[in-house]
Amino acid sequence: MTRKVAEGLIILLDSGLIYTLKPSASIDAAIIVYTVKSDQADMARSILLGLMHEDGQFQVLGRCGGPSIRVLASTLLIDDLNQPRQAYTK
């Protein structure tokens, strides 16, 4: 049995299991701001994502946080977390 809802396609199996299939999209976004945990300076806490326009200006896409984002952001930023950053200028 299936039904289509705004969240995606919900599949209800006779066994009682429920699956939700949702559409996805991929984008290339930049981490434009990040915060670190006060007790773990090498661990990102949250990130702010942005898209860069052709003129070099960033448009904020949204913020992300949570355990999986912390691991990803910390992995990407681990070498840069203790270095001061300057604003991007084109």
PDB file of N, CA and C in Angstrom:
ATOM      1  N   MET A   1       0.854  -1.176   0.000  1.00  0.00           N
ATOM      2  CA  MET A   1       0.000   0.000   0.000  1.00  0.00           C
ATOM      3  C   MET A   1       0.890   1.226   0.000  1.00  0.00           C
ATOM      4  N   THR A   2       0.583   2.176  -0.847  1.00  0.00           N
ATOM      5  CA  THR A   2       1.353   3.418  -0.893  1.00  0.00           C
ATOM      6  C   THR A   2       0.393   4.597  -0.935  1.00  0.00           C
ATOM      7  N   ARG A   3       0.898   5.729  -0.515  1.00  0.00           N
ATOM      8  CA  ARG A   3       0.134   6.967  -0.657  1.00  0.00           C
ATOM      9  C   ARG A   3       1.121   8.108  -0.828  1.00  0.00           C
ATOM     10  N   LYS A   4       0.751   9.079  -1.610  1.00  0.00           N
ATOM     11  CA  LYS A   4       1.636  10.204  -1.889  1.00  0.00           C
ATOM     12  C   LYS A   4       1.250  11.368  -0.982  1.00  0.00           C
ATOM     13  N   VAL A   5       2.246  11.886  -0.280  1.00  0.00           N
ATOM     14  CA  VAL A   5       2.028  13.036   0.595  1.00  0.00           C
ATOM     15  C   VAL A   5       3.092  14.082   0.294  1.00  0.00           C
ATOM     16  N   ALA A   6       2.973  15.242   0.894  1.00  0.00           N
ATOM     17  CA  ALA A   6       3.909  16.328   0.634  1.00  0.00           C
ATOM     18  C   ALA A   6       5.340  15.966   1.024  1.00  0.00           C
ATOM     19  N   GLU A   7       5.526  15.093   1.979  1.00  0.00           N
ATOM     20  CA  GLU A   7       6.859  14.729   2.438  1.00  0.00           C
ATOM     21  C   GLU A   7       7.545  13.736   1.521  1.00  0.00           C
ATOM     22  N   GLY A   8       6.848  13.117   0.639  1.00  0.00           N
ATOM     23  CA  GLY A   8       7.411  12.092  -0.215  1.00  0.00           C
ATOM     24  C   GLY A   8       6.429  10.955  -0.377  1.00  0.00           C
ATOM     25  N   LEU A   9       6.944   9.810  -0.734  1.00  0.00           N
ATOM     26  CA  LEU A   9       6.110   8.631  -0.927  1.00  0.00           C
ATOM     27  C   LEU A   9       6.239   7.736   0.297  1.00  0.00           C
ATOM     28  N   ILE A  10       5.126   7.415   0.927  1.00  0.00           N
ATOM     29  CA  ILE A  10       5.127   6.556   2.103  1.00  0.00           C
ATOM     30  C   ILE A  10       4.728   5.153   1.667  1.00  0.00           C
ATOM     31  N   ILE A  11       5.556   4.178   2.022  1.00  0.00           N
ATOM     32  CA  ILE A  11       5.295   2.783   1.678  1.00  0.00           C
ATOM     33  C   ILE A  11       5.017   2.019   2.960  1.00  0.00           C
ATOM     34  N   LEU A  12       3.828   1.447   3.063  1.00  0.00           N
ATOM     35  CA  LEU A  12       3.432   0.663   4.228  1.00  0.00           C
ATOM     36  C   LEU A  12       3.447  -0.806   3.837  1.00  0.00           C
ATOM     37  N   LEU A  13       4.320  -1.585   4.457  1.00  0.00           N
ATOM     38  CA  LEU A  13       4.412  -3.004   4.144  1.00  0.00           C
ATOM     39  C   LEU A  13       3.451  -3.802   5.011  1.00  0.00           C
ATOM     40  N   ASP A  14       3.050  -4.973   4.518  1.00  0.00           N
ATOM     41  CA  ASP A  14       2.181  -5.854   5.295  1.00  0.00           C
ATOM     42  C   ASP A  14       2.819  -6.257   6.622  1.00  0.00           C
ATOM     43  N   SER A  15       4.151  -6.249   6.672  1.00  0.00           N
ATOM     44  CA  SER A  15       4.865  -6.628   7.898  1.00  0.00           C
ATOM     45  C   SER A  15       4.792  -5.541   8.966  1.00  0.00           C
ATOM     46  N   GLY A  16       4.283  -4.369   8.594  1.00  0.00           N
ATOM     47  CA  GLY A  16       4.197  -3.267   9.548  1.00  0.00           C
ATOM     48  C   GLY A  16       5.310  -2.237   9.388  1.00  0.00           C
ATOM     49  N   LEU A  17       6.320  -2.560   8.597  1.00  0.00           N
ATOM     50  CA  LEU A  17       7.393  -1.604   8.359  1.00  0.00           C
ATOM     51  C   LEU A  17       6.887  -0.455   7.497  1.00  0.00           C
ATOM     52  N   ILE A  18       7.413   0.727   7.771  1.00  0.00           N
ATOM     53  CA  ILE A  18       7.037   1.919   7.014  1.00  0.00           C
ATOM     54  C   ILE A  18       8.304   2.543   6.448  1.00  0.00           C
ATOM     55  N   TYR A  19       8.305   2.792   5.155  1.00  0.00           N
ATOM     56  CA  TYR A  19       9.412   3.473   4.497  1.00  0.00           C
ATOM     57  C   TYR A  19       8.892   4.779   3.919  1.00  0.00           C
ATOM     58  N   THR A  20       9.726   5.816   3.976  1.00  0.00           N
ATOM     59  CA  THR A  20       9.388   7.078   3.345  1.00  0.00           C
ATOM     60  C   THR A  20      10.458   7.394   2.314  1.00  0.00           C
ATOM     61  N   LEU A  21      10.068   7.545   1.080  1.00  0.00           N
ATOM     62  CA  LEU A  21      10.979   7.927   0.010  1.00  0.00           C
ATOM     63  C   LEU A  21      10.805   9.419  -0.240  1.00  0.00           C
ATOM     64  N   LYS A  22      11.918  10.137  -0.157  1.00  0.00           N
ATOM     65  CA  LYS A  22      11.857  11.583  -0.335  1.00  0.00           C
ATOM     66  C   LYS A  22      12.766  11.997  -1.484  1.00  0.00           C
ATOM     67  N   PRO A  23      12.369  13.016  -2.220  1.00  0.00           N
ATOM     68  CA  PRO A  23      13.240  13.505  -3.296  1.00  0.00           C
ATOM     69  C   PRO A  23      14.472  14.172  -2.692  1.00  0.00           C
ATOM     70  N   SER A  24      15.550  14.187  -3.450  1.00  0.00           N
ATOM     71  CA  SER A  24      16.753  14.855  -2.976  1.00  0.00           C
ATOM     72  C   SER A  24      17.338  15.694  -4.098  1.00  0.00           C
ATOM     73  N   ALA A  25      18.143  16.650  -3.718  1.00  0.00           N
ATOM     74  CA  ALA A  25      18.844  17.502  -4.669  1.00  0.00           C
ATOM     75  C   ALA A  25      20.247  17.738  -4.136  1.00  0.00           C
ATOM     76  N   SER A  26      21.193  17.859  -5.026  1.00  0.00           N
ATOM     77  CA  SER A  26      22.574  18.125  -4.635  1.00  0.00           C
ATOM     78  C   SER A  26      22.953  19.538  -5.048  1.00  0.00           C
ATOM     79  N   ILE A  27      23.692  20.218  -4.175  1.00  0.00           N
ATOM     80  CA  ILE A  27      24.185  21.554  -4.486  1.00  0.00           C
ATOM     81  C   ILE A  27      25.609  21.677  -3.982  1.00  0.00           C
ATOM     82  N   ASP A  28      26.348  22.601  -4.524  1.00  0.00           N
ATOM     83  CA  ASP A  28      27.672  22.935  -4.020  1.00  0.00           C
ATOM     84  C   ASP A  28      27.508  24.183  -3.167  1.00  0.00           C
ATOM     85  N   ALA A  29      27.753  24.044  -1.882  1.00  0.00           N
ATOM     86  CA  ALA A  29      27.614  25.169  -0.954  1.00  0.00           C
ATOM     87  C   ALA A  29      28.923  25.362  -0.210  1.00  0.00           C
ATOM     88  N   ALA A  30      29.157  26.574   0.232  1.00  0.00           N
ATOM     89  CA  ALA A  30      30.355  26.905   0.998  1.00  0.00           C
ATOM     90  C   ALA A  30      29.990  27.053   2.467  1.00  0.00           C
ATOM     91  N   ILE A  31      30.890  26.633   3.344  1.00  0.00           N
ATOM     92  CA  ILE A  31      30.735  26.927   4.764  1.00  0.00           C
ATOM     93  C   ILE A  31      31.232  28.352   4.938  1.00  0.00           C
ATOM     94  N   ILE A  32      30.317  29.278   5.227  1.00  0.00           N
ATOM     95  CA  ILE A  32      30.710  30.683   5.320  1.00  0.00           C
ATOM     96  C   ILE A  32      30.937  31.133   6.761  1.00  0.00           C
ATOM     97  N   VAL A  33      30.360  30.426   7.715  1.00  0.00           N
ATOM     98  CA  VAL A  33      30.572  30.715   9.138  1.00  0.00           C
ATOM     99  C   VAL A  33      30.477  29.392   9.889  1.00  0.00           C
ATOM    100  N   TYR A  34      31.272  29.244  10.924  1.00  0.00           N
ATOM    101  CA  TYR A  34      31.136  28.087  11.793  1.00  0.00           C
ATOM    102  C   TYR A  34      31.369  28.501  13.238  1.00  0.00           C
ATOM    103  N   THR A  35      30.782  27.764  14.144  1.00  0.00           N
ATOM    104  CA  THR A  35      31.026  27.974  15.565  1.00  0.00           C
ATOM    105  C   THR A  35      31.687  26.715  16.100  1.00  0.00           C
ATOM    106  N   VAL A  36      32.422  26.885  17.197  1.00  0.00           N
ATOM    107  CA  VAL A  36      33.077  25.738  17.821  1.00  0.00           C
ATOM    108  C   VAL A  36      32.537  25.560  19.226  1.00  0.00           C
ATOM    109  N   LYS A  37      32.684  24.360  19.732  1.00  0.00           N
ATOM    110  CA  LYS A  37      32.238  24.069  21.091  1.00  0.00           C
ATOM    111  C   LYS A  37      33.210  24.738  22.068  1.00  0.00           C
ATOM    112  N   SER A  38      32.688  25.334  23.128  1.00  0.00           N
ATOM    113  CA  SER A  38      33.541  26.051  24.076  1.00  0.00           C
ATOM    114  C   SER A  38      34.516  25.127  24.791  1.00  0.00           C
ATOM    115  N   ASP A  39      34.134  23.874  25.003  1.00  0.00           N
ATOM    116  CA  ASP A  39      35.020  22.951  25.702  1.00  0.00           C
ATOM    117  C   ASP A  39      35.823  22.061  24.753  1.00  0.00           C
ATOM    118  N   GLN A  40      35.592  22.192  23.436  1.00  0.00           N
ATOM    119  CA  GLN A  40      36.324  21.413  22.431  1.00  0.00           C
ATOM    120  C   GLN A  40      36.578  22.316  21.227  1.00  0.00           C
ATOM    121  N   ALA A  41      37.679  23.066  21.284  1.00  0.00           N
ATOM    122  CA  ALA A  41      37.959  24.041  20.236  1.00  0.00           C
ATOM    123  C   ALA A  41      38.202  23.417  18.870  1.00  0.00           C
ATOM    124  N   ASP A  42      38.472  22.112  18.826  1.00  0.00           N
ATOM    125  CA  ASP A  42      38.701  21.465  17.535  1.00  0.00           C
ATOM    126  C   ASP A  42      37.443  20.782  17.001  1.00  0.00           C
ATOM    127  N   MET A  43      36.287  21.050  17.631  1.00  0.00           N
ATOM    128  CA  MET A  43      35.034  20.428  17.213  1.00  0.00           C
ATOM    129  C   MET A  43      34.047  21.514  16.783  1.00  0.00           C
ATOM    130  N   ALA A  44      33.648  21.467  15.507  1.00  0.00           N
ATOM    131  CA  ALA A  44      32.650  22.422  15.018  1.00  0.00           C
ATOM    132  C   ALA A  44      31.313  22.134  15.698  1.00  0.00           C
ATOM    133  N   ARG A  45      30.587  23.185  16.002  1.00  0.00           N
ATOM    134  CA  ARG A  45      29.282  23.040  16.656  1.00  0.00           C
ATOM    135  C   ARG A  45      28.149  23.203  15.660  1.00  0.00           C
ATOM    136  N   SER A  46      28.259  24.229  14.830  1.00  0.00           N
ATOM    137  CA  SER A  46      27.248  24.470  13.798  1.00  0.00           C
ATOM    138  C   SER A  46      27.914  25.190  12.629  1.00  0.00           C
ATOM    139  N   ILE A  47      27.271  25.140  11.481  1.00  0.00           N
ATOM    140  CA  ILE A  47      27.802  25.799  10.295  1.00  0.00           C
ATOM    141  C   ILE A  47      26.700  26.600   9.618  1.00  0.00           C
ATOM    142  N   LEU A  48      27.107  27.647   8.921  1.00  0.00           N
ATOM    143  CA  LEU A  48      26.203  28.440   8.100  1.00  0.00           C
ATOM    144  C   LEU A  48      26.655  28.251   6.666  1.00  0.00           C
ATOM    145  N   LEU A  49      25.742  27.816   5.811  1.00  0.00           N
ATOM    146  CA  LEU A  49      26.063  27.531   4.413  1.00  0.00           C
ATOM    147  C   LEU A  49      25.627  28.670   3.507  1.00  0.00           C
ATOM    148  N   GLY A  50      26.367  28.870   2.449  1.00  0.00           N
ATOM    149  CA  GLY A  50      26.022  29.913   1.506  1.00  0.00           C
ATOM    150  C   GLY A  50      26.344  29.516   0.076  1.00  0.00           C
ATOM    151  N   LEU A  51      25.741  30.216  -0.843  1.00  0.00           N
ATOM    152  CA  LEU A  51      25.991  30.046  -2.274  1.00  0.00           C
ATOM    153  C   LEU A  51      26.675  31.307  -2.775  1.00  0.00           C
ATOM    154  N   MET A  52      27.660  31.153  -3.656  1.00  0.00           N
ATOM    155  CA  MET A  52      28.374  32.318  -4.158  1.00  0.00           C
ATOM    156  C   MET A  52      27.815  32.734  -5.518  1.00  0.00           C
ATOM    157  N   HIS A  53      27.478  34.012  -5.604  1.00  0.00           N
ATOM    158  CA  HIS A  53      27.029  34.581  -6.868  1.00  0.00           C
ATOM    159  C   HIS A  53      28.247  34.848  -7.750  1.00  0.00           C
ATOM    160  N   GLU A  54      28.021  35.103  -9.010  1.00  0.00           N
ATOM    161  CA  GLU A  54      29.106  35.375  -9.947  1.00  0.00           C
ATOM    162  C   GLU A  54      29.944  36.574  -9.539  1.00  0.00           C
ATOM    163  N   ASP A  55      29.338  37.550  -8.836  1.00  0.00           N
ATOM    164  CA  ASP A  55      30.083  38.737  -8.418  1.00  0.00           C
ATOM    165  C   ASP A  55      30.880  38.514  -7.136  1.00  0.00           C
ATOM    166  N   GLY A  56      30.877  37.287  -6.606  1.00  0.00           N
ATOM    167  CA  GLY A  56      31.656  36.964  -5.415  1.00  0.00           C
ATOM    168  C   GLY A  56      30.914  37.133  -4.104  1.00  0.00           C
ATOM    169  N   GLN A  57      29.709  37.651  -4.154  1.00  0.00           N
ATOM    170  CA  GLN A  57      28.904  37.822  -2.942  1.00  0.00           C
ATOM    171  C   GLN A  57      28.260  36.492  -2.561  1.00  0.00           C
ATOM    172  N   PHE A  58      28.150  36.279  -1.243  1.00  0.00           N
ATOM    173  CA  PHE A  58      27.497  35.063  -0.762  1.00  0.00           C
ATOM    174  C   PHE A  58      26.044  35.322  -0.427  1.00  0.00           C
ATOM    175  N   GLN A  59      25.212  34.365  -0.718  1.00  0.00           N
ATOM    176  CA  GLN A  59      23.819  34.374  -0.301  1.00  0.00           C
ATOM    177  C   GLN A  59      23.657  33.246   0.697  1.00  0.00           C
ATOM    178  N   VAL A  60      23.106  33.572   1.871  1.00  0.00           N
ATOM    179  CA  VAL A  60      22.939  32.565   2.913  1.00  0.00           C
ATOM    180  C   VAL A  60      21.919  31.534   2.464  1.00  0.00           C
ATOM    181  N   LEU A  61      22.308  30.274   2.591  1.00  0.00           N
ATOM    182  CA  LEU A  61      21.433  29.169   2.246  1.00  0.00           C
ATOM    183  C   LEU A  61      20.707  28.658   3.487  1.00  0.00           C
ATOM    184  N   GLY A  62      21.418  28.539   4.585  1.00  0.00           N
ATOM    185  CA  GLY A  62      20.808  28.070   5.830  1.00  0.00           C
ATOM    186  C   GLY A  62      21.863  27.568   6.793  1.00  0.00           C
ATOM    187  N   ARG A  63      21.421  27.232   7.980  1.00  0.00           N
ATOM    188  CA  ARG A  63      22.356  26.738   8.993  1.00  0.00           C
ATOM    189  C   ARG A  63      22.100  25.267   9.256  1.00  0.00           C
ATOM    190  N   CYS A  64      23.137  24.594   9.720  1.00  0.00           N
ATOM    191  CA  CYS A  64      23.053  23.176  10.035  1.00  0.00           C
ATOM    192  C   CYS A  64      23.764  22.926  11.353  1.00  0.00           C
ATOM    193  N   GLY A  65      23.299  21.940  12.060  1.00  0.00           N
ATOM    194  CA  GLY A  65      23.943  21.533  13.299  1.00  0.00           C
ATOM    195  C   GLY A  65      23.590  20.089  13.571  1.00  0.00           C
ATOM    196  N   GLY A  66      24.061  19.586  14.663  1.00  0.00           N
ATOM    197  CA  GLY A  66      23.781  18.200  15.023  1.00  0.00           C
ATOM    198  C   GLY A  66      25.020  17.336  14.889  1.00  0.00           C
ATOM    199  N   PRO A  67      24.952  16.137  15.436  1.00  0.00           N
ATOM    200  CA  PRO A  67      26.133  15.270  15.478  1.00  0.00           C
ATOM    201  C   PRO A  67      26.771  14.975  14.122  1.00  0.00           C
ATOM    202  N   SER A  68      25.987  14.642  13.110  1.00  0.00           N
ATOM    203  CA  SER A  68      26.597  14.296  11.819  1.00  0.00           C
ATOM    204  C   SER A  68      27.233  15.513  11.164  1.00  0.00           C
ATOM    205  N   ILE A  69      26.609  16.673  11.305  1.00  0.00           N
ATOM    206  CA  ILE A  69      27.184  17.904  10.755  1.00  0.00           C
ATOM    207  C   ILE A  69      28.451  18.266  11.511  1.00  0.00           C
ATOM    208  N   ARG A  70      28.461  18.070  12.827  1.00  0.00           N
ATOM    209  CA  ARG A  70      29.662  18.373  13.621  1.00  0.00           C
ATOM    210  C   ARG A  70      30.854  17.542  13.165  1.00  0.00           C
ATOM    211  N   VAL A  71      30.626  16.271  12.906  1.00  0.00           N
ATOM    212  CA  VAL A  71      31.720  15.403  12.453  1.00  0.00           C
ATOM    213  C   VAL A  71      32.203  15.840  11.079  1.00  0.00           C
ATOM    214  N   LEU A  72      31.272  16.079  10.155  1.00  0.00           N
ATOM    215  CA  LEU A  72      31.631  16.494   8.809  1.00  0.00           C
ATOM    216  C   LEU A  72      32.378  17.824   8.824  1.00  0.00           C
ATOM    217  N   ALA A  73      31.816  18.817   9.496  1.00  0.00           N
ATOM    218  CA  ALA A  73      32.433  20.142   9.526  1.00  0.00           C
ATOM    219  C   ALA A  73      33.794  20.097  10.206  1.00  0.00           C
ATOM    220  N   SER A  74      33.901  19.346  11.283  1.00  0.00           N
ATOM    221  CA  SER A  74      35.183  19.251  11.973  1.00  0.00           C
ATOM    222  C   SER A  74      36.230  18.585  11.096  1.00  0.00           C
ATOM    223  N   THR A  75      35.823  17.576  10.334  1.00  0.00           N
ATOM    224  CA  THR A  75      36.744  16.910   9.419  1.00  0.00           C
ATOM    225  C   THR A  75      37.215  17.876   8.345  1.00  0.00           C
ATOM    226  N   LEU A  76      36.299  18.665   7.803  1.00  0.00           N
ATOM    227  CA  LEU A  76      36.654  19.623   6.754  1.00  0.00           C
ATOM    228  C   LEU A  76      37.489  20.774   7.287  1.00  0.00           C
ATOM    229  N   LEU A  77      37.217  21.188   8.515  1.00  0.00           N
ATOM    230  CA  LEU A  77      37.832  22.393   9.061  1.00  0.00           C
ATOM    231  C   LEU A  77      38.961  22.132  10.043  1.00  0.00           C
ATOM    232  N   ILE A  78      39.264  20.902  10.337  1.00  0.00           N
ATOM    233  CA  ILE A  78      40.174  20.570  11.434  1.00  0.00           C
ATOM    234  C   ILE A  78      41.503  21.314  11.351  1.00  0.00           C
ATOM    235  N   ASP A  79      42.046  21.505  10.162  1.00  0.00           N
ATOM    236  CA  ASP A  79      43.324  22.193  10.024  1.00  0.00           C
ATOM    237  C   ASP A  79      43.192  23.701  10.173  1.00  0.00           C
ATOM    238  N   ASP A  80      42.000  24.229  10.010  1.00  0.00           N
ATOM    239  CA  ASP A  80      41.811  25.674  10.015  1.00  0.00           C
ATOM    240  C   ASP A  80      41.161  26.220  11.281  1.00  0.00           C
ATOM    241  N   LEU A  81      40.680  25.373  12.167  1.00  0.00           N
ATOM    242  CA  LEU A  81      39.899  25.850  13.304  1.00  0.00           C
ATOM    243  C   LEU A  81      40.660  26.796  14.216  1.00  0.00           C
ATOM    244  N   ASN A  82      41.945  26.618  14.372  1.00  0.00           N
ATOM    245  CA  ASN A  82      42.711  27.461  15.292  1.00  0.00           C
ATOM    246  C   ASN A  82      43.416  28.614  14.604  1.00  0.00           C
ATOM    247  N   GLN A  83      43.150  28.816  13.320  1.00  0.00           N
ATOM    248  CA  GLN A  83      43.759  29.909  12.592  1.00  0.00           C
ATOM    249  C   GLN A  83      42.720  30.996  12.343  1.00  0.00           C
ATOM    250  N   PRO A  84      43.065  32.260  12.624  1.00  0.00           N
ATOM    251  CA  PRO A  84      42.101  33.330  12.353  1.00  0.00           C
ATOM    252  C   PRO A  84      41.822  33.436  10.858  1.00  0.00           C
ATOM    253  N   ARG A  85      40.594  33.718  10.508  1.00  0.00           N
ATOM    254  CA  ARG A  85      40.195  33.816   9.125  1.00  0.00           C
ATOM    255  C   ARG A  85      39.892  35.274   8.779  1.00  0.00           C
ATOM    256  N   GLN A  86      40.171  35.628   7.567  1.00  0.00           N
ATOM    257  CA  GLN A  86      39.821  36.953   7.089  1.00  0.00           C
ATOM    258  C   GLN A  86      38.638  36.843   6.156  1.00  0.00           C
ATOM    259  N   ALA A  87      37.892  37.914   6.078  1.00  0.00           N
ATOM    260  CA  ALA A  87      36.744  37.928   5.185  1.00  0.00           C
ATOM    261  C   ALA A  87      37.201  37.735   3.747  1.00  0.00           C
ATOM    262  N   TYR A  88      36.397  37.000   2.990  1.00  0.00           N
ATOM    263  CA  TYR A  88      36.692  36.782   1.575  1.00  0.00           C
ATOM    264  C   TYR A  88      36.469  38.074   0.802  1.00  0.00           C
ATOM    265  N   THR A  89      37.434  38.471   0.014  1.00  0.00           N
ATOM    266  CA  THR A  89      37.246  39.619  -0.869  1.00  0.00           C
ATOM    267  C   THR A  89      37.721  39.219  -2.254  1.00  0.00           C
ATOM    268  N   LYS A  90      37.002  39.672  -3.227  1.00  0.00           N
ATOM    269  CA  LYS A  90      37.345  39.295  -4.606  1.00  0.00           C
ATOM    270  C   LYS A  90      38.048  40.434  -5.289  1.00  0.00           C
TER     271      LYS A  90
END
